[in-house]
Amino acid sequence: FGVRHLDVSRTGLTVLGPLLQLCSLEELVVADNCLTGDLREVFALPRLRRFDASSNALELREAPAGVEPPAPPESFRDAAVSGNPAILQLMSDGGEKAVLERLSRAGEGDWVVYRDPG
């Protein structure tokens, strides 16, 4: 039971906050909002498979020394991140592999990060 798919795109959302309590979520679409913070916050959702965070201001922040960043849940398969300037800068600096490594830290995910080709 519980919410498995949620689309709150274009709602003016500024934080993920309460959405992170929806432990049954498998797909979360938060595109075209005003979200800031670390993209990995969403890894608190244990069943998440797909996350569309395109057109926000999310980042992939460096973890403090000695602190492991949160790992994606086993079910995680893809993330849409186009329109997030800090993440796109990482992609242009080091390619998608750099983003995947920053997300998983182990680089072992069999999932995909999507971006606009332009």
N, C-alpha and C. Protein backbone atom coordinates (compact mmCIF):
# COMPACT_ATOMS: atom_id res chain seq x y z
N PHE A 1 0.82 -1.19 0.00
CA PHE A 1 0.00 0.00 0.00
C PHE A 1 0.86 1.24 0.00
N GLY A 2 0.23 2.38 -0.23
CA GLY A 2 0.94 3.63 -0.21
C GLY A 2 1.10 4.20 -1.61
N VAL A 3 1.55 5.44 -1.67
CA VAL A 3 1.77 6.15 -2.93
C VAL A 3 3.01 5.59 -3.59
N ARG A 4 2.88 5.14 -4.84
CA ARG A 4 4.04 4.61 -5.56
C ARG A 4 4.55 5.57 -6.62
N HIS A 5 3.67 6.36 -7.22
CA HIS A 5 4.06 7.32 -8.26
C HIS A 5 3.51 8.68 -7.88
N LEU A 6 4.37 9.69 -7.91
CA LEU A 6 3.95 11.04 -7.54
C LEU A 6 4.59 12.04 -8.48
N ASP A 7 3.76 12.89 -9.06
CA ASP A 7 4.23 13.95 -9.95
C ASP A 7 3.81 15.29 -9.36
N VAL A 8 4.79 16.02 -8.87
CA VAL A 8 4.53 17.36 -8.31
C VAL A 8 5.34 18.40 -9.10
N SER A 9 5.46 18.16 -10.40
CA SER A 9 6.19 19.10 -11.25
C SER A 9 5.39 20.40 -11.39
N ARG A 10 6.15 21.48 -11.60
CA ARG A 10 5.59 22.83 -11.81
C ARG A 10 4.64 23.25 -10.69
N THR A 11 5.03 22.99 -9.45
CA THR A 11 4.19 23.39 -8.30
C THR A 11 4.86 24.43 -7.42
N GLY A 12 6.08 24.88 -7.76
CA GLY A 12 6.79 25.85 -6.94
C GLY A 12 7.47 25.24 -5.73
N LEU A 13 7.62 23.94 -5.73
CA LEU A 13 8.24 23.20 -4.63
C LEU A 13 9.67 23.70 -4.39
N THR A 14 10.02 23.96 -3.12
CA THR A 14 11.36 24.46 -2.80
C THR A 14 12.20 23.45 -2.01
N VAL A 15 11.55 22.49 -1.35
CA VAL A 15 12.26 21.44 -0.60
C VAL A 15 11.54 20.11 -0.79
N LEU A 16 12.30 19.04 -0.67
CA LEU A 16 11.69 17.71 -0.75
C LEU A 16 10.99 17.34 0.55
N GLY A 17 11.52 17.83 1.66
CA GLY A 17 10.96 17.67 3.00
C GLY A 17 9.98 16.53 3.21
N PRO A 18 8.68 16.82 3.30
CA PRO A 18 7.67 15.80 3.61
C PRO A 18 7.59 14.67 2.59
N LEU A 19 7.99 14.93 1.35
CA LEU A 19 7.94 13.87 0.34
C LEU A 19 8.87 12.72 0.70
N LEU A 20 9.91 13.01 1.47
CA LEU A 20 10.86 11.98 1.86
C LEU A 20 10.30 11.03 2.91
N GLN A 21 9.09 11.30 3.39
CA GLN A 21 8.42 10.41 4.33
C GLN A 21 7.56 9.36 3.62
N LEU A 22 7.41 9.50 2.31
CA LEU A 22 6.58 8.58 1.53
C LEU A 22 7.42 7.37 1.12
N CYS A 23 7.63 6.48 2.04
CA CYS A 23 8.55 5.34 1.85
C CYS A 23 8.14 4.38 0.75
N SER A 24 6.91 4.43 0.29
CA SER A 24 6.46 3.52 -0.76
C SER A 24 6.73 4.06 -2.16
N LEU A 25 7.21 5.29 -2.28
CA LEU A 25 7.43 5.89 -3.60
C LEU A 25 8.43 5.11 -4.43
N GLU A 26 8.05 4.83 -5.68
CA GLU A 26 8.92 4.18 -6.64
C GLU A 26 9.34 5.16 -7.73
N GLU A 27 8.48 6.13 -8.00
CA GLU A 27 8.77 7.13 -9.02
C GLU A 27 8.35 8.50 -8.49
N LEU A 28 9.29 9.44 -8.55
CA LEU A 28 9.03 10.80 -8.08
C LEU A 28 9.43 11.79 -9.15
N VAL A 29 8.48 12.62 -9.57
CA VAL A 29 8.73 13.65 -10.58
C VAL A 29 8.57 15.01 -9.91
N VAL A 30 9.68 15.74 -9.84
CA VAL A 30 9.69 17.08 -9.22
C VAL A 30 10.25 18.11 -10.20
N ALA A 31 10.07 17.85 -11.49
CA ALA A 31 10.63 18.71 -12.54
C ALA A 31 10.02 20.11 -12.50
N ASP A 32 10.81 21.07 -12.97
CA ASP A 32 10.35 22.46 -13.13
C ASP A 32 9.86 23.06 -11.83
N ASN A 33 10.65 22.92 -10.78
CA ASN A 33 10.35 23.54 -9.50
C ASN A 33 11.50 24.44 -9.10
N CYS A 34 11.59 24.76 -7.83
CA CYS A 34 12.64 25.64 -7.30
C CYS A 34 13.47 24.91 -6.25
N LEU A 35 13.70 23.62 -6.46
CA LEU A 35 14.43 22.80 -5.49
C LEU A 35 15.91 23.15 -5.45
N THR A 36 16.45 23.23 -4.25
CA THR A 36 17.89 23.39 -4.04
C THR A 36 18.33 22.29 -3.08
N GLY A 37 19.62 22.17 -2.91
CA GLY A 37 20.15 21.16 -1.99
C GLY A 37 20.80 20.04 -2.75
N ASP A 38 21.08 18.96 -2.05
CA ASP A 38 21.78 17.82 -2.61
C ASP A 38 20.78 16.83 -3.21
N LEU A 39 21.01 16.47 -4.45
CA LEU A 39 20.16 15.51 -5.15
C LEU A 39 20.01 14.21 -4.38
N ARG A 40 21.04 13.83 -3.63
CA ARG A 40 21.03 12.55 -2.92
C ARG A 40 20.06 12.50 -1.74
N GLU A 41 19.45 13.61 -1.38
CA GLU A 41 18.44 13.58 -0.32
C GLU A 41 17.36 12.55 -0.63
N VAL A 42 17.07 12.41 -1.91
CA VAL A 42 16.00 11.51 -2.33
C VAL A 42 16.35 10.04 -2.09
N PHE A 43 17.62 9.75 -1.83
CA PHE A 43 18.02 8.37 -1.56
C PHE A 43 17.46 7.85 -0.24
N ALA A 44 16.81 8.70 0.52
CA ALA A 44 16.13 8.27 1.74
C ALA A 44 14.89 7.43 1.41
N LEU A 45 14.45 7.47 0.16
CA LEU A 45 13.28 6.70 -0.26
C LEU A 45 13.73 5.30 -0.66
N PRO A 46 13.44 4.29 0.15
CA PRO A 46 14.02 2.96 -0.04
C PRO A 46 13.56 2.21 -1.28
N ARG A 47 12.43 2.58 -1.87
CA ARG A 47 11.92 1.85 -3.04
C ARG A 47 12.04 2.64 -4.34
N LEU A 48 12.67 3.81 -4.28
CA LEU A 48 12.74 4.69 -5.44
C LEU A 48 13.46 4.03 -6.60
N ARG A 49 12.83 4.05 -7.77
CA ARG A 49 13.43 3.52 -9.00
C ARG A 49 13.76 4.66 -9.96
N ARG A 50 12.88 5.63 -10.05
CA ARG A 50 13.04 6.71 -11.03
C ARG A 50 12.80 8.05 -10.35
N PHE A 51 13.68 9.01 -10.68
CA PHE A 51 13.61 10.35 -10.10
C PHE A 51 13.83 11.36 -11.21
N ASP A 52 12.82 12.20 -11.46
CA ASP A 52 12.94 13.27 -12.45
C ASP A 52 13.02 14.59 -11.72
N ALA A 53 14.23 15.14 -11.69
CA ALA A 53 14.46 16.41 -11.00
C ALA A 53 14.93 17.47 -11.99
N SER A 54 14.54 17.33 -13.25
CA SER A 54 15.00 18.27 -14.26
C SER A 54 14.46 19.68 -13.99
N SER A 55 15.26 20.66 -14.40
CA SER A 55 14.91 22.08 -14.29
C SER A 55 14.67 22.52 -12.85
N ASN A 56 15.67 22.29 -12.02
CA ASN A 56 15.71 22.77 -10.64
C ASN A 56 17.10 23.36 -10.41
N ALA A 57 17.49 23.52 -9.16
CA ALA A 57 18.83 24.02 -8.84
C ALA A 57 19.52 23.07 -7.86
N LEU A 58 19.35 21.77 -8.10
CA LEU A 58 19.95 20.76 -7.23
C LEU A 58 21.44 20.60 -7.53
N GLU A 59 22.17 20.10 -6.55
CA GLU A 59 23.61 19.89 -6.67
C GLU A 59 23.97 18.49 -6.21
N LEU A 60 25.22 18.13 -6.44
CA LEU A 60 25.81 16.93 -5.87
C LEU A 60 26.97 17.42 -5.02
N ARG A 61 26.68 17.69 -3.78
CA ARG A 61 27.68 18.29 -2.89
C ARG A 61 28.70 17.26 -2.43
N GLU A 62 29.91 17.73 -2.20
CA GLU A 62 30.96 16.88 -1.63
C GLU A 62 30.61 16.60 -0.18
N ALA A 63 30.76 15.37 0.23
CA ALA A 63 30.53 15.00 1.63
C ALA A 63 31.71 15.50 2.45
N PRO A 64 31.46 15.88 3.71
CA PRO A 64 32.57 16.27 4.58
C PRO A 64 33.56 15.11 4.73
N ALA A 65 34.80 15.44 5.01
CA ALA A 65 35.83 14.42 5.18
C ALA A 65 35.40 13.39 6.21
N GLY A 66 35.55 12.14 5.86
CA GLY A 66 35.21 11.05 6.77
C GLY A 66 33.75 10.67 6.81
N VAL A 67 32.92 11.34 6.01
CA VAL A 67 31.48 11.05 6.00
C VAL A 67 31.12 10.49 4.63
N GLU A 68 30.49 9.33 4.63
CA GLU A 68 30.03 8.73 3.38
C GLU A 68 28.72 9.39 2.96
N PRO A 69 28.62 9.81 1.71
CA PRO A 69 27.33 10.35 1.24
C PRO A 69 26.31 9.22 1.17
N PRO A 70 25.03 9.55 1.22
CA PRO A 70 24.02 8.50 1.15
C PRO A 70 24.10 7.74 -0.17
N ALA A 71 23.95 6.45 -0.10
CA ALA A 71 23.98 5.61 -1.31
C ALA A 71 22.57 5.49 -1.87
N PRO A 72 22.47 5.30 -3.18
CA PRO A 72 21.14 5.11 -3.76
C PRO A 72 20.55 3.78 -3.31
N PRO A 73 19.23 3.71 -3.22
CA PRO A 73 18.61 2.43 -2.86
C PRO A 73 18.88 1.39 -3.96
N GLU A 74 18.84 0.13 -3.59
CA GLU A 74 19.08 -0.96 -4.55
C GLU A 74 18.17 -0.87 -5.77
N SER A 75 16.95 -0.37 -5.59
CA SER A 75 15.97 -0.32 -6.66
C SER A 75 16.22 0.81 -7.66
N PHE A 76 17.09 1.77 -7.33
CA PHE A 76 17.28 2.98 -8.14
C PHE A 76 17.81 2.65 -9.52
N ARG A 77 17.15 3.19 -10.56
CA ARG A 77 17.55 2.89 -11.93
C ARG A 77 17.86 4.12 -12.77
N ASP A 78 17.13 5.22 -12.63
CA ASP A 78 17.46 6.38 -13.45
C ASP A 78 17.06 7.69 -12.81
N ALA A 79 17.77 8.72 -13.23
CA ALA A 79 17.53 10.08 -12.75
C ALA A 79 17.59 11.03 -13.93
N ALA A 80 16.60 11.88 -14.05
CA ALA A 80 16.60 12.93 -15.07
C ALA A 80 17.07 14.20 -14.38
N VAL A 81 18.16 14.77 -14.87
CA VAL A 81 18.77 15.91 -14.19
C VAL A 81 19.01 17.13 -15.09
N SER A 82 18.49 17.11 -16.29
CA SER A 82 18.70 18.25 -17.17
C SER A 82 18.16 19.52 -16.54
N GLY A 83 18.79 20.63 -16.81
CA GLY A 83 18.33 21.90 -16.27
C GLY A 83 18.75 22.17 -14.84
N ASN A 84 19.68 21.39 -14.30
CA ASN A 84 20.27 21.64 -12.98
C ASN A 84 21.71 22.09 -13.25
N PRO A 85 21.96 23.39 -13.26
CA PRO A 85 23.26 23.89 -13.71
C PRO A 85 24.47 23.26 -13.03
N ALA A 86 24.44 23.04 -11.72
CA ALA A 86 25.60 22.48 -11.03
C ALA A 86 25.87 21.05 -11.48
N ILE A 87 24.83 20.28 -11.69
CA ILE A 87 25.00 18.89 -12.13
C ILE A 87 25.45 18.85 -13.58
N LEU A 88 24.89 19.72 -14.41
CA LEU A 88 25.31 19.76 -15.80
C LEU A 88 26.76 20.20 -15.93
N GLN A 89 27.22 21.08 -15.03
CA GLN A 89 28.62 21.48 -15.04
C GLN A 89 29.51 20.28 -14.72
N LEU A 90 29.10 19.47 -13.75
CA LEU A 90 29.84 18.24 -13.44
C LEU A 90 29.91 17.33 -14.66
N MET A 91 28.79 17.25 -15.38
CA MET A 91 28.74 16.39 -16.56
C MET A 91 29.68 16.89 -17.63
N SER A 92 29.75 18.20 -17.82
CA SER A 92 30.63 18.72 -18.86
C SER A 92 32.09 18.61 -18.43
N ASP A 93 32.36 18.72 -17.12
CA ASP A 93 33.74 18.60 -16.63
C ASP A 93 34.26 17.18 -16.67
N GLY A 94 33.43 16.23 -16.26
CA GLY A 94 33.91 14.86 -16.14
C GLY A 94 33.05 13.83 -16.82
N GLY A 95 32.04 14.27 -17.52
CA GLY A 95 31.15 13.33 -18.20
C GLY A 95 30.16 12.69 -17.25
N GLU A 96 29.28 11.90 -17.81
CA GLU A 96 28.25 11.24 -17.02
C GLU A 96 28.85 10.30 -15.99
N LYS A 97 30.01 9.73 -16.29
CA LYS A 97 30.64 8.83 -15.33
C LYS A 97 30.96 9.56 -14.03
N ALA A 98 31.39 10.82 -14.12
CA ALA A 98 31.68 11.59 -12.92
C ALA A 98 30.43 11.78 -12.07
N VAL A 99 29.32 12.02 -12.73
CA VAL A 99 28.06 12.19 -11.98
C VAL A 99 27.66 10.87 -11.35
N LEU A 100 27.75 9.78 -12.10
CA LEU A 100 27.39 8.48 -11.55
C LEU A 100 28.28 8.12 -10.36
N GLU A 101 29.57 8.40 -10.48
CA GLU A 101 30.48 8.11 -9.37
C GLU A 101 30.16 8.96 -8.16
N ARG A 102 29.80 10.22 -8.38
CA ARG A 102 29.47 11.09 -7.26
C ARG A 102 28.17 10.63 -6.62
N LEU A 103 27.23 10.14 -7.42
CA LEU A 103 25.96 9.65 -6.88
C LEU A 103 26.15 8.38 -6.06
N SER A 104 26.89 7.42 -6.61
CA SER A 104 26.96 6.11 -5.97
C SER A 104 28.22 5.91 -5.14
N ARG A 105 29.22 6.72 -5.38
CA ARG A 105 30.53 6.61 -4.74
C ARG A 105 31.21 5.29 -5.04
N ALA A 106 30.46 4.28 -5.41
CA ALA A 106 31.08 3.01 -5.77
C ALA A 106 31.10 2.86 -7.28
N GLY A 107 30.29 3.65 -7.97
CA GLY A 107 30.24 3.57 -9.42
C GLY A 107 29.69 2.26 -9.93
N GLU A 108 28.90 1.55 -9.11
CA GLU A 108 28.44 0.22 -9.48
C GLU A 108 26.99 0.19 -9.92
N GLY A 109 26.32 1.33 -9.98
CA GLY A 109 24.92 1.34 -10.36
C GLY A 109 24.72 0.91 -11.80
N ASP A 110 23.63 0.22 -12.06
CA ASP A 110 23.31 -0.14 -13.44
C ASP A 110 22.20 0.77 -13.94
N TRP A 111 22.20 1.99 -13.45
CA TRP A 111 21.17 2.94 -13.82
C TRP A 111 21.76 4.04 -14.68
N VAL A 112 20.92 4.92 -15.16
CA VAL A 112 21.30 5.92 -16.15
C VAL A 112 20.94 7.30 -15.65
N VAL A 113 21.79 8.29 -15.96
CA VAL A 113 21.49 9.68 -15.69
C VAL A 113 21.15 10.31 -17.04
N TYR A 114 19.98 10.94 -17.13
CA TYR A 114 19.54 11.55 -18.37
C TYR A 114 19.78 13.05 -18.35
N ARG A 115 20.07 13.58 -19.53
CA ARG A 115 20.18 15.02 -19.69
C ARG A 115 19.76 15.38 -21.09
N ASP A 116 19.43 16.65 -21.29
CA ASP A 116 19.12 17.13 -22.63
C ASP A 116 20.38 17.16 -23.47
N PRO A 117 20.32 16.78 -24.76
CA PRO A 117 21.52 16.77 -25.58
C PRO A 117 22.06 18.16 -25.88
N GLY A 118 21.26 19.20 -25.76
CA GLY A 118 21.69 20.55 -26.10
C GLY A 118 22.38 21.17 -24.99
